[in-house]
Amino acid sequence: MNLFRFLLIFIFFFCCNTEPIRKEISVGKTIKIEPSNFETKINNNYNFLWSKPQFYGDSNEKSMQFKIENNKMLFTPLIEGNFDISLTVESLNNTDLYQEFFSFQAIDKGIKNSNVSLNNSIQSQSKRYTIQIASVPSIDEAKEYQNKLKNSGFDAYTEPLTLKNKQYWRVRVGNFTDYNKAKDVELLLKELKYDTWFTNIK
């Protein structure tokens, strides 16, 4: 089912004959992306499955930075070009409830030339920490981890990762700005016999 959905997304992005209407955004400026027609105030009852932003261009430079926070994505284009992102919202029993596609055109408006502003943004993001519990090839297995952690009171979320043309799902806990607090939570997870990997979110 998940494979079929991602194939549909692939076909939408790569095989459509009509170019989508793109929202203009600024290079170097972080935007928050959320579902436009889906109520997300009570988001513990849903799974938000974000795709990795797809960049259309020939540049070898790093093209973007992004961070997934359950029902929203923080996205920063670093070079000019077109970007596409997809979102599927599922109920906890794996029923598709909502799907949305986001299309952007990043334009250099001089923001990326402001080294102080961009460097401060990058440094701010590099000081955030998370704790990875697992990386599994099945979204169902990832959701089992996520639901078990949430039932234990942890702020758990899943995040897609493509590695060597294979799809994986990372299960992570927290988005911390306080290093010591993040380490305290990691210690609690270890006491519950979870294998942890402490990392900063870039």
N, C-alpha and C. Protein backbone atom coordinates (compact mmCIF):
# COMPACT_ATOMS: atom_id res chain seq x y z
N MET A 1 0.83 -1.20 0.00
CA MET A 1 0.00 0.00 0.00
C MET A 1 0.86 1.26 0.00
N ASN A 2 1.89 1.27 0.91
CA ASN A 2 2.78 2.42 0.97
C ASN A 2 3.59 2.57 -0.31
N LEU A 3 4.03 1.43 -0.87
CA LEU A 3 4.77 1.47 -2.12
C LEU A 3 3.91 2.05 -3.23
N PHE A 4 2.64 1.64 -3.27
CA PHE A 4 1.72 2.15 -4.29
C PHE A 4 1.55 3.66 -4.15
N ARG A 5 1.44 4.13 -2.90
CA ARG A 5 1.25 5.56 -2.67
C ARG A 5 2.46 6.36 -3.16
N PHE A 6 3.65 5.88 -2.84
CA PHE A 6 4.84 6.60 -3.26
C PHE A 6 5.03 6.55 -4.77
N LEU A 7 4.57 5.48 -5.40
CA LEU A 7 4.61 5.44 -6.85
C LEU A 7 3.69 6.49 -7.44
N LEU A 8 2.53 6.67 -6.82
CA LEU A 8 1.60 7.71 -7.29
C LEU A 8 2.23 9.10 -7.15
N ILE A 9 2.92 9.31 -6.02
CA ILE A 9 3.58 10.59 -5.82
C ILE A 9 4.66 10.80 -6.88
N PHE A 10 5.42 9.73 -7.15
CA PHE A 10 6.48 9.81 -8.16
C PHE A 10 5.89 10.18 -9.52
N ILE A 11 4.79 9.51 -9.87
CA ILE A 11 4.15 9.79 -11.16
C ILE A 11 3.66 11.22 -11.22
N PHE A 12 3.10 11.70 -10.10
CA PHE A 12 2.58 13.07 -10.07
C PHE A 12 3.69 14.08 -10.31
N PHE A 13 4.83 13.86 -9.65
CA PHE A 13 5.90 14.84 -9.73
C PHE A 13 6.67 14.78 -11.06
N PHE A 14 6.83 13.58 -11.58
CA PHE A 14 7.75 13.43 -12.69
C PHE A 14 7.08 13.22 -14.05
N CYS A 15 5.81 12.86 -14.04
CA CYS A 15 5.18 12.49 -15.29
C CYS A 15 4.04 13.42 -15.70
N CYS A 16 3.74 14.41 -14.86
CA CYS A 16 2.66 15.31 -15.23
C CYS A 16 3.11 16.18 -16.40
N ASN A 17 2.21 16.40 -17.33
CA ASN A 17 2.51 17.24 -18.47
C ASN A 17 2.36 18.72 -18.15
N THR A 18 1.62 19.04 -17.09
CA THR A 18 1.40 20.42 -16.73
C THR A 18 2.25 20.77 -15.52
N GLU A 19 2.92 21.93 -15.60
CA GLU A 19 3.73 22.40 -14.50
C GLU A 19 2.83 22.91 -13.38
N PRO A 20 3.06 22.48 -12.13
CA PRO A 20 2.21 22.94 -11.03
C PRO A 20 2.40 24.43 -10.77
N ILE A 21 1.39 25.04 -10.18
CA ILE A 21 1.51 26.43 -9.77
C ILE A 21 2.43 26.48 -8.55
N ARG A 22 3.50 27.24 -8.67
CA ARG A 22 4.51 27.25 -7.62
C ARG A 22 4.45 28.53 -6.80
N LYS A 23 4.56 28.36 -5.48
CA LYS A 23 4.61 29.50 -4.59
C LYS A 23 6.04 30.03 -4.55
N GLU A 24 6.19 31.32 -4.70
CA GLU A 24 7.52 31.92 -4.71
C GLU A 24 8.02 32.09 -3.29
N ILE A 25 9.24 31.60 -3.03
CA ILE A 25 9.87 31.74 -1.72
C ILE A 25 11.29 32.27 -1.91
N SER A 26 11.91 32.69 -0.83
CA SER A 26 13.23 33.32 -0.91
C SER A 26 14.34 32.35 -0.52
N VAL A 27 15.43 32.37 -1.28
CA VAL A 27 16.61 31.57 -0.94
C VAL A 27 17.14 32.04 0.41
N GLY A 28 17.43 31.08 1.29
CA GLY A 28 17.99 31.39 2.59
C GLY A 28 16.98 31.69 3.67
N LYS A 29 15.70 31.74 3.33
CA LYS A 29 14.66 32.06 4.31
C LYS A 29 13.88 30.79 4.66
N THR A 30 13.75 30.49 5.95
CA THR A 30 13.04 29.30 6.40
C THR A 30 11.54 29.55 6.40
N ILE A 31 10.78 28.60 5.84
CA ILE A 31 9.33 28.69 5.85
C ILE A 31 8.77 27.48 6.60
N LYS A 32 7.58 27.64 7.14
CA LYS A 32 6.89 26.55 7.82
C LYS A 32 5.79 26.03 6.91
N ILE A 33 5.80 24.72 6.65
CA ILE A 33 4.82 24.09 5.76
C ILE A 33 3.88 23.24 6.60
N GLU A 34 2.59 23.48 6.49
CA GLU A 34 1.58 22.73 7.23
C GLU A 34 0.43 22.38 6.30
N PRO A 35 -0.36 21.35 6.63
CA PRO A 35 -1.54 21.05 5.81
C PRO A 35 -2.46 22.26 5.75
N SER A 36 -2.96 22.58 4.57
CA SER A 36 -3.78 23.79 4.42
C SER A 36 -5.25 23.53 4.71
N ASN A 37 -5.70 22.27 4.60
CA ASN A 37 -7.11 21.98 4.79
C ASN A 37 -7.33 20.76 5.69
N PHE A 38 -6.49 20.65 6.70
CA PHE A 38 -6.63 19.51 7.61
C PHE A 38 -6.39 20.00 9.03
N GLU A 39 -7.33 19.72 9.92
CA GLU A 39 -7.24 20.17 11.30
C GLU A 39 -6.15 19.38 12.03
N THR A 40 -5.15 20.08 12.58
CA THR A 40 -4.00 19.41 13.19
C THR A 40 -3.82 19.75 14.66
N LYS A 41 -4.82 20.33 15.30
CA LYS A 41 -4.65 20.68 16.71
C LYS A 41 -4.47 19.43 17.57
N ILE A 42 -5.21 18.37 17.27
CA ILE A 42 -5.06 17.12 18.02
C ILE A 42 -4.34 16.13 17.10
N ASN A 43 -3.01 16.24 17.04
CA ASN A 43 -2.28 15.47 16.04
C ASN A 43 -1.75 14.14 16.54
N ASN A 44 -2.01 13.79 17.80
CA ASN A 44 -1.55 12.48 18.29
C ASN A 44 -2.35 11.34 17.66
N ASN A 45 -3.49 11.67 17.05
CA ASN A 45 -4.33 10.63 16.44
C ASN A 45 -3.97 10.38 14.98
N TYR A 46 -2.95 11.05 14.47
CA TYR A 46 -2.61 10.94 13.06
C TYR A 46 -1.12 10.71 12.88
N ASN A 47 -0.78 10.14 11.73
CA ASN A 47 0.61 10.01 11.31
C ASN A 47 0.82 10.92 10.11
N PHE A 48 1.80 11.80 10.20
CA PHE A 48 2.10 12.73 9.12
C PHE A 48 3.33 12.23 8.38
N LEU A 49 3.13 11.79 7.15
CA LEU A 49 4.20 11.18 6.36
C LEU A 49 4.67 12.18 5.30
N TRP A 50 5.80 12.82 5.57
CA TRP A 50 6.35 13.83 4.67
C TRP A 50 7.38 13.17 3.72
N SER A 51 7.39 13.61 2.49
CA SER A 51 8.45 13.18 1.58
C SER A 51 9.65 14.10 1.75
N LYS A 52 10.81 13.61 1.37
CA LYS A 52 11.97 14.48 1.30
C LYS A 52 11.75 15.49 0.18
N PRO A 53 12.04 16.78 0.40
CA PRO A 53 11.87 17.76 -0.69
C PRO A 53 12.66 17.37 -1.93
N GLN A 54 11.99 17.45 -3.07
CA GLN A 54 12.62 17.10 -4.34
C GLN A 54 13.07 18.38 -5.03
N PHE A 55 14.37 18.46 -5.33
CA PHE A 55 14.93 19.64 -6.00
C PHE A 55 15.11 19.36 -7.48
N TYR A 56 14.74 20.33 -8.32
CA TYR A 56 14.89 20.21 -9.77
C TYR A 56 15.97 21.19 -10.22
N GLY A 57 17.14 20.69 -10.48
CA GLY A 57 18.23 21.55 -10.91
C GLY A 57 19.50 20.76 -11.10
N ASP A 58 20.53 21.40 -11.66
CA ASP A 58 21.78 20.72 -11.97
C ASP A 58 22.91 21.06 -11.01
N SER A 59 22.62 21.88 -10.00
CA SER A 59 23.68 22.34 -9.11
C SER A 59 24.19 21.20 -8.23
N ASN A 60 25.51 21.22 -7.98
CA ASN A 60 26.11 20.25 -7.06
C ASN A 60 26.17 20.79 -5.64
N GLU A 61 25.74 22.05 -5.46
CA GLU A 61 25.74 22.64 -4.13
C GLU A 61 24.64 22.00 -3.29
N LYS A 62 24.77 22.14 -1.97
CA LYS A 62 23.68 21.73 -1.09
C LYS A 62 22.48 22.60 -1.39
N SER A 63 21.37 21.98 -1.70
CA SER A 63 20.24 22.73 -2.22
C SER A 63 19.23 23.15 -1.17
N MET A 64 19.25 22.51 0.01
CA MET A 64 18.19 22.79 0.98
C MET A 64 18.59 22.33 2.37
N GLN A 65 17.81 22.81 3.34
CA GLN A 65 17.80 22.26 4.70
C GLN A 65 16.33 22.07 5.07
N PHE A 66 16.02 21.00 5.78
CA PHE A 66 14.64 20.82 6.21
C PHE A 66 14.60 20.02 7.50
N LYS A 67 13.52 20.21 8.23
CA LYS A 67 13.34 19.52 9.50
C LYS A 67 11.86 19.20 9.64
N ILE A 68 11.55 17.95 9.97
CA ILE A 68 10.16 17.51 10.12
C ILE A 68 9.79 17.51 11.60
N GLU A 69 8.70 18.16 11.91
CA GLU A 69 8.18 18.21 13.28
C GLU A 69 6.74 17.73 13.28
N ASN A 70 6.56 16.45 13.02
CA ASN A 70 5.25 15.80 13.03
C ASN A 70 4.32 16.43 12.00
N ASN A 71 3.48 17.40 12.41
CA ASN A 71 2.47 17.94 11.50
C ASN A 71 2.96 19.14 10.72
N LYS A 72 4.25 19.45 10.79
CA LYS A 72 4.78 20.55 9.99
C LYS A 72 6.22 20.27 9.57
N MET A 73 6.65 20.97 8.53
CA MET A 73 8.03 20.89 8.06
C MET A 73 8.61 22.29 8.01
N LEU A 74 9.84 22.45 8.52
CA LEU A 74 10.58 23.69 8.39
C LEU A 74 11.55 23.51 7.22
N PHE A 75 11.43 24.37 6.22
CA PHE A 75 12.14 24.17 4.95
C PHE A 75 12.89 25.44 4.58
N THR A 76 14.17 25.28 4.24
CA THR A 76 15.01 26.41 3.84
C THR A 76 15.70 26.08 2.52
N PRO A 77 15.30 26.73 1.41
CA PRO A 77 16.04 26.54 0.15
C PRO A 77 17.35 27.31 0.21
N LEU A 78 18.44 26.70 -0.23
CA LEU A 78 19.75 27.34 -0.17
C LEU A 78 20.23 27.83 -1.53
N ILE A 79 19.58 27.37 -2.60
CA ILE A 79 19.89 27.85 -3.95
C ILE A 79 18.60 28.04 -4.72
N GLU A 80 18.67 28.75 -5.82
CA GLU A 80 17.49 28.97 -6.64
C GLU A 80 17.08 27.68 -7.34
N GLY A 81 15.77 27.52 -7.54
CA GLY A 81 15.27 26.35 -8.24
C GLY A 81 13.86 25.99 -7.80
N ASN A 82 13.34 24.91 -8.36
CA ASN A 82 12.00 24.43 -8.03
C ASN A 82 12.08 23.25 -7.06
N PHE A 83 11.16 23.23 -6.11
CA PHE A 83 11.12 22.20 -5.09
C PHE A 83 9.69 21.67 -4.96
N ASP A 84 9.56 20.36 -4.78
CA ASP A 84 8.25 19.73 -4.55
C ASP A 84 8.31 18.89 -3.28
N ILE A 85 7.22 18.93 -2.53
CA ILE A 85 7.09 18.18 -1.28
C ILE A 85 5.70 17.58 -1.23
N SER A 86 5.58 16.36 -0.73
CA SER A 86 4.26 15.74 -0.58
C SER A 86 4.03 15.37 0.88
N LEU A 87 2.76 15.36 1.25
CA LEU A 87 2.35 14.98 2.60
C LEU A 87 1.15 14.04 2.52
N THR A 88 1.23 12.94 3.25
CA THR A 88 0.09 12.04 3.43
C THR A 88 -0.21 11.94 4.91
N VAL A 89 -1.47 12.12 5.28
CA VAL A 89 -1.89 12.00 6.67
C VAL A 89 -2.68 10.71 6.81
N GLU A 90 -2.26 9.88 7.77
CA GLU A 90 -2.92 8.61 8.02
C GLU A 90 -3.52 8.59 9.42
N SER A 91 -4.58 7.82 9.59
CA SER A 91 -5.06 7.51 10.93
C SER A 91 -4.14 6.45 11.52
N LEU A 92 -4.31 6.18 12.79
CA LEU A 92 -3.43 5.20 13.45
C LEU A 92 -3.65 3.78 12.95
N ASN A 93 -4.76 3.54 12.23
CA ASN A 93 -4.99 2.21 11.66
C ASN A 93 -4.60 2.16 10.19
N ASN A 94 -3.73 3.11 9.78
CA ASN A 94 -3.12 3.12 8.43
C ASN A 94 -4.10 3.50 7.32
N THR A 95 -5.18 4.17 7.64
CA THR A 95 -6.12 4.63 6.62
C THR A 95 -5.72 6.03 6.15
N ASP A 96 -5.57 6.21 4.83
CA ASP A 96 -5.24 7.52 4.30
C ASP A 96 -6.41 8.47 4.50
N LEU A 97 -6.14 9.61 5.11
CA LEU A 97 -7.17 10.59 5.38
C LEU A 97 -7.03 11.86 4.55
N TYR A 98 -5.80 12.16 4.15
CA TYR A 98 -5.56 13.46 3.51
C TYR A 98 -4.24 13.39 2.76
N GLN A 99 -4.18 14.08 1.62
CA GLN A 99 -2.93 14.15 0.87
C GLN A 99 -2.82 15.54 0.25
N GLU A 100 -1.61 16.08 0.29
CA GLU A 100 -1.40 17.41 -0.27
C GLU A 100 0.00 17.49 -0.87
N PHE A 101 0.11 18.25 -1.96
CA PHE A 101 1.39 18.48 -2.63
C PHE A 101 1.74 19.96 -2.54
N PHE A 102 3.00 20.25 -2.28
CA PHE A 102 3.47 21.62 -2.14
C PHE A 102 4.55 21.86 -3.20
N SER A 103 4.40 22.91 -3.98
CA SER A 103 5.35 23.24 -5.03
C SER A 103 5.85 24.66 -4.83
N PHE A 104 7.18 24.81 -4.86
CA PHE A 104 7.79 26.11 -4.58
C PHE A 104 8.81 26.46 -5.66
N GLN A 105 8.97 27.75 -5.86
CA GLN A 105 10.07 28.27 -6.69
C GLN A 105 10.90 29.19 -5.80
N ALA A 106 12.14 28.79 -5.56
CA ALA A 106 13.04 29.58 -4.71
C ALA A 106 13.78 30.59 -5.56
N ILE A 107 13.74 31.84 -5.14
CA ILE A 107 14.38 32.94 -5.86
C ILE A 107 15.34 33.66 -4.91
N ASP A 108 16.52 34.00 -5.44
CA ASP A 108 17.51 34.72 -4.63
C ASP A 108 17.10 36.19 -4.57
N LYS A 109 16.67 36.62 -3.37
CA LYS A 109 16.28 38.02 -3.17
C LYS A 109 17.31 38.75 -2.32
N GLY A 110 18.52 38.18 -2.28
CA GLY A 110 19.59 38.83 -1.54
C GLY A 110 19.73 38.33 -0.13
N ILE A 111 18.82 37.45 0.32
CA ILE A 111 18.87 36.98 1.71
C ILE A 111 20.08 36.10 1.93
N LYS A 112 20.40 35.26 0.93
CA LYS A 112 21.53 34.35 1.15
C LYS A 112 22.86 35.08 1.13
N ASN A 113 22.88 36.32 0.60
CA ASN A 113 24.11 37.09 0.60
C ASN A 113 24.36 37.76 1.93
N SER A 114 23.37 37.72 2.79
CA SER A 114 23.55 38.25 4.14
C SER A 114 24.13 37.14 5.01
N ASN A 115 25.47 37.10 5.09
CA ASN A 115 26.14 36.00 5.76
C ASN A 115 25.76 35.90 7.23
N VAL A 116 25.56 37.03 7.87
CA VAL A 116 25.23 37.01 9.29
C VAL A 116 23.88 36.34 9.51
N SER A 117 22.88 36.73 8.70
CA SER A 117 21.54 36.17 8.87
C SER A 117 21.52 34.68 8.59
N LEU A 118 22.14 34.25 7.50
CA LEU A 118 22.12 32.84 7.13
C LEU A 118 22.93 32.00 8.11
N ASN A 119 24.10 32.51 8.52
CA ASN A 119 24.92 31.75 9.45
C ASN A 119 24.25 31.60 10.79
N ASN A 120 23.54 32.65 11.23
CA ASN A 120 22.81 32.54 12.49
C ASN A 120 21.72 31.50 12.40
N SER A 121 21.04 31.44 11.22
CA SER A 121 19.98 30.45 11.03
C SER A 121 20.54 29.04 11.08
N ILE A 122 21.68 28.82 10.42
CA ILE A 122 22.29 27.49 10.39
C ILE A 122 22.78 27.09 11.79
N GLN A 123 23.40 28.05 12.49
CA GLN A 123 23.89 27.75 13.83
C GLN A 123 22.76 27.42 14.78
N SER A 124 21.63 28.15 14.61
CA SER A 124 20.48 27.90 15.47
C SER A 124 19.96 26.49 15.27
N GLN A 125 19.89 26.04 14.00
CA GLN A 125 19.39 24.70 13.71
C GLN A 125 20.38 23.64 14.20
N SER A 126 21.71 23.94 14.16
CA SER A 126 22.70 22.94 14.55
C SER A 126 22.70 22.71 16.06
N LYS A 127 22.05 23.59 16.82
CA LYS A 127 22.01 23.44 18.27
C LYS A 127 20.76 22.73 18.75
N ARG A 128 20.09 22.04 17.85
CA ARG A 128 18.93 21.24 18.24
C ARG A 128 19.33 19.76 18.25
N TYR A 129 18.76 19.03 19.19
CA TYR A 129 19.16 17.65 19.39
C TYR A 129 17.93 16.73 19.37
N THR A 130 18.17 15.50 18.94
CA THR A 130 17.13 14.48 18.96
C THR A 130 17.76 13.14 19.31
N ILE A 131 16.91 12.17 19.65
CA ILE A 131 17.39 10.84 20.04
C ILE A 131 16.75 9.82 19.11
N GLN A 132 17.58 9.15 18.35
CA GLN A 132 17.07 8.14 17.42
C GLN A 132 16.97 6.79 18.11
N ILE A 133 15.82 6.15 17.91
CA ILE A 133 15.56 4.85 18.54
C ILE A 133 15.77 3.71 17.55
N ALA A 134 15.37 3.94 16.30
CA ALA A 134 15.46 2.86 15.31
C ALA A 134 15.43 3.46 13.91
N SER A 135 15.91 2.67 12.96
CA SER A 135 15.78 2.98 11.54
C SER A 135 15.39 1.68 10.85
N VAL A 136 14.14 1.63 10.36
CA VAL A 136 13.58 0.37 9.86
C VAL A 136 13.02 0.56 8.45
N PRO A 137 12.96 -0.50 7.65
CA PRO A 137 12.47 -0.37 6.28
C PRO A 137 10.95 -0.38 6.16
N SER A 138 10.24 -0.60 7.26
CA SER A 138 8.79 -0.70 7.22
C SER A 138 8.15 0.42 8.02
N ILE A 139 7.23 1.17 7.40
CA ILE A 139 6.51 2.23 8.11
C ILE A 139 5.66 1.65 9.23
N ASP A 140 5.14 0.43 9.03
CA ASP A 140 4.33 -0.20 10.07
C ASP A 140 5.16 -0.48 11.32
N GLU A 141 6.37 -0.98 11.11
CA GLU A 141 7.26 -1.25 12.25
C GLU A 141 7.64 0.06 12.95
N ALA A 142 7.88 1.10 12.14
CA ALA A 142 8.23 2.40 12.72
C ALA A 142 7.08 2.95 13.57
N LYS A 143 5.84 2.76 13.08
CA LYS A 143 4.67 3.25 13.83
C LYS A 143 4.50 2.50 15.15
N GLU A 144 4.85 1.22 15.15
CA GLU A 144 4.77 0.45 16.40
C GLU A 144 5.71 1.05 17.45
N TYR A 145 6.94 1.35 17.02
CA TYR A 145 7.89 2.02 17.92
C TYR A 145 7.32 3.36 18.39
N GLN A 146 6.82 4.15 17.43
CA GLN A 146 6.32 5.48 17.74
C GLN A 146 5.16 5.43 18.74
N ASN A 147 4.20 4.56 18.49
CA ASN A 147 3.03 4.47 19.37
C ASN A 147 3.41 3.99 20.78
N LYS A 148 4.35 3.04 20.84
CA LYS A 148 4.80 2.53 22.14
C LYS A 148 5.48 3.64 22.94
N LEU A 149 6.30 4.43 22.24
CA LEU A 149 7.00 5.53 22.91
C LEU A 149 6.02 6.61 23.36
N LYS A 150 5.05 6.92 22.51
CA LYS A 150 4.05 7.94 22.87
C LYS A 150 3.23 7.49 24.07
N ASN A 151 2.90 6.21 24.10
CA ASN A 151 2.14 5.69 25.24
C ASN A 151 2.94 5.75 26.54
N SER A 152 4.27 5.81 26.40
CA SER A 152 5.14 5.94 27.58
C SER A 152 5.43 7.40 27.91
N GLY A 153 4.82 8.32 27.14
CA GLY A 153 4.95 9.74 27.45
C GLY A 153 6.05 10.47 26.70
N PHE A 154 6.66 9.83 25.69
CA PHE A 154 7.74 10.47 24.93
C PHE A 154 7.19 11.12 23.66
N ASP A 155 7.82 12.22 23.27
CA ASP A 155 7.44 12.95 22.05
C ASP A 155 8.13 12.27 20.86
N ALA A 156 7.53 11.18 20.38
CA ALA A 156 8.14 10.39 19.31
C ALA A 156 7.55 10.74 17.96
N TYR A 157 8.38 10.62 16.92
CA TYR A 157 7.91 10.88 15.57
C TYR A 157 8.70 10.01 14.59
N THR A 158 8.13 9.84 13.39
CA THR A 158 8.82 9.09 12.34
C THR A 158 9.30 10.07 11.27
N GLU A 159 10.35 9.66 10.58
CA GLU A 159 10.96 10.53 9.56
C GLU A 159 11.48 9.66 8.43
N PRO A 160 11.12 9.97 7.17
CA PRO A 160 11.59 9.15 6.06
C PRO A 160 13.05 9.42 5.73
N LEU A 161 13.73 8.39 5.26
CA LEU A 161 15.13 8.51 4.85
C LEU A 161 15.36 7.60 3.65
N THR A 162 15.92 8.16 2.59
CA THR A 162 16.29 7.37 1.42
C THR A 162 17.79 7.20 1.42
N LEU A 163 18.25 5.95 1.43
CA LEU A 163 19.67 5.65 1.48
C LEU A 163 19.98 4.57 0.46
N LYS A 164 20.85 4.89 -0.49
CA LYS A 164 21.22 3.96 -1.56
C LYS A 164 19.98 3.41 -2.27
N ASN A 165 19.07 4.33 -2.60
CA ASN A 165 17.84 4.02 -3.33
C ASN A 165 16.88 3.11 -2.55
N LYS A 166 17.06 3.01 -1.23
CA LYS A 166 16.15 2.24 -0.40
C LYS A 166 15.47 3.16 0.61
N GLN A 167 14.19 2.90 0.87
CA GLN A 167 13.41 3.72 1.79
C GLN A 167 13.49 3.16 3.20
N TYR A 168 13.83 4.02 4.14
CA TYR A 168 13.84 3.66 5.55
C TYR A 168 13.01 4.67 6.33
N TRP A 169 12.63 4.26 7.55
CA TRP A 169 11.87 5.14 8.43
C TRP A 169 12.60 5.21 9.76
N ARG A 170 13.01 6.44 10.12
CA ARG A 170 13.68 6.65 11.40
C ARG A 170 12.65 6.98 12.47
N VAL A 171 12.86 6.41 13.65
CA VAL A 171 12.00 6.71 14.80
C VAL A 171 12.83 7.53 15.77
N ARG A 172 12.36 8.74 16.06
CA ARG A 172 13.14 9.66 16.89
C ARG A 172 12.28 10.24 18.01
N VAL A 173 12.95 10.70 19.03
CA VAL A 173 12.27 11.29 20.18
C VAL A 173 12.81 12.70 20.41
N GLY A 174 11.91 13.67 20.42
CA GLY A 174 12.25 15.02 20.85
C GLY A 174 12.94 15.89 19.83
N ASN A 175 12.83 17.19 20.09
CA ASN A 175 13.50 18.22 19.32
C ASN A 175 13.97 19.25 20.35
N PHE A 176 15.16 19.02 20.89
CA PHE A 176 15.63 19.74 22.07
C PHE A 176 16.59 20.87 21.71
N THR A 177 16.46 21.98 22.40
CA THR A 177 17.46 23.04 22.33
C THR A 177 18.41 22.97 23.53
N ASP A 178 17.99 22.27 24.56
CA ASP A 178 18.78 22.11 25.78
C ASP A 178 19.50 20.76 25.74
N TYR A 179 20.82 20.80 25.62
CA TYR A 179 21.63 19.57 25.51
C TYR A 179 21.44 18.67 26.74
N ASN A 180 21.50 19.26 27.92
CA ASN A 180 21.41 18.47 29.15
C ASN A 180 20.05 17.80 29.29
N LYS A 181 18.98 18.52 28.92
CA LYS A 181 17.64 17.93 28.98
C LYS A 181 17.53 16.76 28.01
N ALA A 182 18.10 16.94 26.82
CA ALA A 182 18.08 15.85 25.84
C ALA A 182 18.81 14.62 26.37
N LYS A 183 19.93 14.84 27.03
CA LYS A 183 20.70 13.72 27.59
C LYS A 183 19.93 13.03 28.72
N ASP A 184 19.17 13.81 29.49
CA ASP A 184 18.35 13.21 30.56
C ASP A 184 17.28 12.30 29.97
N VAL A 185 16.67 12.74 28.86
CA VAL A 185 15.65 11.92 28.21
C VAL A 185 16.29 10.67 27.62
N GLU A 186 17.48 10.81 27.05
CA GLU A 186 18.17 9.64 26.51
C GLU A 186 18.44 8.62 27.61
N LEU A 187 18.81 9.10 28.80
CA LEU A 187 19.06 8.20 29.92
C LEU A 187 17.80 7.43 30.30
N LEU A 188 16.65 8.12 30.29
CA LEU A 188 15.38 7.44 30.59
C LEU A 188 15.09 6.35 29.56
N LEU A 189 15.36 6.66 28.31
CA LEU A 189 15.13 5.67 27.24
C LEU A 189 16.04 4.46 27.40
N LYS A 190 17.28 4.71 27.78
CA LYS A 190 18.21 3.60 27.99
C LYS A 190 17.76 2.72 29.16
N GLU A 191 17.20 3.37 30.19
CA GLU A 191 16.70 2.60 31.33
C GLU A 191 15.53 1.72 30.94
N LEU A 192 14.81 2.12 29.86
CA LEU A 192 13.70 1.31 29.35
C LEU A 192 14.18 0.30 28.30
N LYS A 193 15.51 0.15 28.19
CA LYS A 193 16.15 -0.86 27.33
C LYS A 193 16.07 -0.52 25.84
N TYR A 194 15.93 0.77 25.50
CA TYR A 194 15.99 1.17 24.09
C TYR A 194 17.44 1.42 23.70
N ASP A 195 17.77 0.98 22.48
CA ASP A 195 19.07 1.35 21.91
C ASP A 195 18.93 2.77 21.36
N THR A 196 19.80 3.67 21.79
CA THR A 196 19.65 5.08 21.41
C THR A 196 20.86 5.57 20.63
N TRP A 197 20.59 6.58 19.82
CA TRP A 197 21.66 7.28 19.12
C TRP A 197 21.38 8.77 19.25
N PHE A 198 22.24 9.48 19.97
CA PHE A 198 22.06 10.90 20.24
C PHE A 198 22.67 11.68 19.08
N THR A 199 21.91 12.60 18.51
CA THR A 199 22.42 13.36 17.36
C THR A 199 21.83 14.76 17.37
N ASN A 200 22.54 15.67 16.72
CA ASN A 200 21.99 17.01 16.57
C ASN A 200 21.26 17.11 15.24
N ILE A 201 20.24 17.96 15.21
CA ILE A 201 19.45 18.16 13.99
C ILE A 201 20.05 19.33 13.23
N LYS A 202 20.45 19.08 12.01
CA LYS A 202 21.09 20.12 11.21
C LYS A 202 20.11 20.66 10.18
